[in-house]
Amino acid sequence: MTLIKLAKFEREQATCNSERRRAGVIQHFANSVVKFSRSQAKLNSEVVQQLVRQYA
């Protein structure tokens, strides 16, 4: 979430195209990190459920 906030701040404070482009890259990266994190949490949950079923 910190990267998303940073990207928003940089986008709002940008004074030239290169800064806006950089903020866009940071935003894209931050969104990818959040999606990956959510996917990883879901996968971990599914693995735990499978292990519980297997050993219960």
N, C-alpha and C. Protein backbone atom coordinates (compact mmCIF):
# COMPACT_ATOMS: atom_id res chain seq x y z
N MET A 1 0.82 -1.19 0.00
CA MET A 1 0.00 0.00 0.00
C MET A 1 0.87 1.26 0.00
N THR A 2 2.03 1.15 0.58
CA THR A 2 2.92 2.31 0.63
C THR A 2 3.33 2.74 -0.77
N LEU A 3 3.59 1.76 -1.64
CA LEU A 3 3.97 2.10 -3.01
C LEU A 3 2.83 2.79 -3.75
N ILE A 4 1.61 2.36 -3.49
CA ILE A 4 0.45 2.98 -4.13
C ILE A 4 0.32 4.43 -3.66
N LYS A 5 0.49 4.65 -2.37
CA LYS A 5 0.43 6.02 -1.84
C LYS A 5 1.56 6.88 -2.41
N LEU A 6 2.75 6.29 -2.52
CA LEU A 6 3.88 7.01 -3.10
C LEU A 6 3.59 7.40 -4.54
N ALA A 7 3.06 6.46 -5.31
CA ALA A 7 2.75 6.74 -6.71
C ALA A 7 1.71 7.85 -6.83
N LYS A 8 0.71 7.81 -5.99
CA LYS A 8 -0.32 8.85 -6.01
C LYS A 8 0.30 10.22 -5.68
N PHE A 9 1.13 10.26 -4.66
CA PHE A 9 1.79 11.51 -4.29
C PHE A 9 2.67 12.03 -5.43
N GLU A 10 3.46 11.13 -6.02
CA GLU A 10 4.34 11.56 -7.11
C GLU A 10 3.55 12.03 -8.33
N ARG A 11 2.43 11.35 -8.60
CA ARG A 11 1.59 11.75 -9.73
C ARG A 11 1.01 13.15 -9.49
N GLU A 12 0.58 13.41 -8.26
CA GLU A 12 0.00 14.71 -7.93
C GLU A 12 1.05 15.82 -7.96
N GLN A 13 2.29 15.49 -7.60
CA GLN A 13 3.35 16.49 -7.52
C GLN A 13 4.17 16.61 -8.80
N ALA A 14 3.88 15.77 -9.78
CA ALA A 14 4.69 15.73 -11.00
C ALA A 14 4.60 17.05 -11.75
N THR A 15 5.76 17.50 -12.23
CA THR A 15 5.80 18.74 -12.98
C THR A 15 6.21 18.53 -14.43
N CYS A 16 6.65 17.32 -14.76
CA CYS A 16 7.02 17.04 -16.14
C CYS A 16 6.61 15.63 -16.51
N ASN A 17 6.64 15.34 -17.80
CA ASN A 17 6.18 14.04 -18.29
C ASN A 17 6.97 12.88 -17.73
N SER A 18 8.27 13.05 -17.57
CA SER A 18 9.08 11.94 -17.06
C SER A 18 8.68 11.57 -15.64
N GLU A 19 8.32 12.55 -14.84
CA GLU A 19 7.88 12.26 -13.47
C GLU A 19 6.52 11.57 -13.48
N ARG A 20 5.63 11.99 -14.37
CA ARG A 20 4.32 11.33 -14.48
C ARG A 20 4.49 9.89 -14.95
N ARG A 21 5.40 9.69 -15.89
CA ARG A 21 5.66 8.35 -16.41
C ARG A 21 6.21 7.46 -15.29
N ARG A 22 7.12 8.00 -14.52
CA ARG A 22 7.70 7.25 -13.40
C ARG A 22 6.62 6.89 -12.38
N ALA A 23 5.74 7.84 -12.09
CA ALA A 23 4.64 7.57 -11.15
C ALA A 23 3.74 6.47 -11.70
N GLY A 24 3.52 6.46 -13.01
CA GLY A 24 2.71 5.41 -13.62
C GLY A 24 3.37 4.05 -13.49
N VAL A 25 4.68 4.02 -13.68
CA VAL A 25 5.43 2.76 -13.54
C VAL A 25 5.35 2.26 -12.10
N ILE A 26 5.51 3.16 -11.15
CA ILE A 26 5.42 2.78 -9.73
C ILE A 26 4.02 2.26 -9.42
N GLN A 27 3.00 2.93 -9.94
CA GLN A 27 1.62 2.51 -9.71
C GLN A 27 1.38 1.11 -10.27
N HIS A 28 1.87 0.87 -11.48
CA HIS A 28 1.71 -0.44 -12.10
C HIS A 28 2.42 -1.52 -11.28
N PHE A 29 3.63 -1.24 -10.86
CA PHE A 29 4.38 -2.18 -10.04
C PHE A 29 3.67 -2.45 -8.72
N ALA A 30 3.18 -1.40 -8.09
CA ALA A 30 2.48 -1.55 -6.81
C ALA A 30 1.23 -2.41 -6.96
N ASN A 31 0.48 -2.19 -8.03
CA ASN A 31 -0.71 -3.00 -8.27
C ASN A 31 -0.34 -4.46 -8.48
N SER A 32 0.75 -4.69 -9.18
CA SER A 32 1.20 -6.07 -9.41
C SER A 32 1.60 -6.73 -8.10
N VAL A 33 2.27 -6.00 -7.24
CA VAL A 33 2.68 -6.54 -5.94
C VAL A 33 1.45 -6.89 -5.10
N VAL A 34 0.45 -6.04 -5.10
CA VAL A 34 -0.77 -6.30 -4.33
C VAL A 34 -1.47 -7.54 -4.87
N LYS A 35 -1.59 -7.64 -6.19
CA LYS A 35 -2.24 -8.82 -6.79
C LYS A 35 -1.47 -10.09 -6.45
N PHE A 36 -0.15 -10.03 -6.54
CA PHE A 36 0.67 -11.19 -6.21
C PHE A 36 0.48 -11.58 -4.75
N SER A 37 0.48 -10.62 -3.87
CA SER A 37 0.32 -10.88 -2.45
C SER A 37 -1.02 -11.56 -2.16
N ARG A 38 -2.07 -11.05 -2.79
CA ARG A 38 -3.40 -11.65 -2.59
C ARG A 38 -3.44 -13.07 -3.14
N SER A 39 -2.82 -13.28 -4.29
CA SER A 39 -2.78 -14.63 -4.87
C SER A 39 -2.01 -15.58 -3.97
N GLN A 40 -0.92 -15.11 -3.43
CA GLN A 40 -0.10 -15.94 -2.53
C GLN A 40 -0.88 -16.30 -1.27
N ALA A 41 -1.61 -15.35 -0.71
CA ALA A 41 -2.41 -15.63 0.48
C ALA A 41 -3.49 -16.65 0.17
N LYS A 42 -4.13 -16.52 -0.98
CA LYS A 42 -5.17 -17.48 -1.37
C LYS A 42 -4.57 -18.88 -1.56
N LEU A 43 -3.43 -18.94 -2.23
CA LEU A 43 -2.76 -20.22 -2.44
C LEU A 43 -2.37 -20.86 -1.11
N ASN A 44 -1.83 -20.08 -0.20
CA ASN A 44 -1.45 -20.61 1.12
C ASN A 44 -2.67 -21.18 1.84
N SER A 45 -3.79 -20.47 1.75
CA SER A 45 -5.03 -20.93 2.37
C SER A 45 -5.47 -22.26 1.77
N GLU A 46 -5.40 -22.38 0.46
CA GLU A 46 -5.79 -23.62 -0.20
C GLU A 46 -4.86 -24.78 0.19
N VAL A 47 -3.58 -24.51 0.31
CA VAL A 47 -2.64 -25.55 0.72
C VAL A 47 -2.95 -26.02 2.13
N VAL A 48 -3.24 -25.10 3.02
CA VAL A 48 -3.58 -25.47 4.40
C VAL A 48 -4.84 -26.31 4.41
N GLN A 49 -5.85 -25.92 3.64
CA GLN A 49 -7.09 -26.70 3.59
C GLN A 49 -6.82 -28.12 3.09
N GLN A 50 -6.00 -28.26 2.08
CA GLN A 50 -5.66 -29.59 1.56
C GLN A 50 -4.93 -30.43 2.61
N LEU A 51 -4.00 -29.80 3.32
CA LEU A 51 -3.27 -30.53 4.35
C LEU A 51 -4.18 -30.95 5.49
N VAL A 52 -5.11 -30.10 5.86
CA VAL A 52 -6.05 -30.43 6.93
C VAL A 52 -6.90 -31.62 6.51
N ARG A 53 -7.37 -31.61 5.27
CA ARG A 53 -8.19 -32.73 4.77
C ARG A 53 -7.38 -34.02 4.74
N GLN A 54 -6.13 -33.90 4.34
CA GLN A 54 -5.29 -35.09 4.18
C GLN A 54 -4.98 -35.72 5.54
N TYR A 55 -4.73 -34.91 6.56
CA TYR A 55 -4.28 -35.45 7.85
C TYR A 55 -5.38 -35.46 8.90
N ALA A 56 -6.59 -35.08 8.54
CA ALA A 56 -7.68 -35.08 9.53
C ALA A 56 -8.37 -36.42 9.59
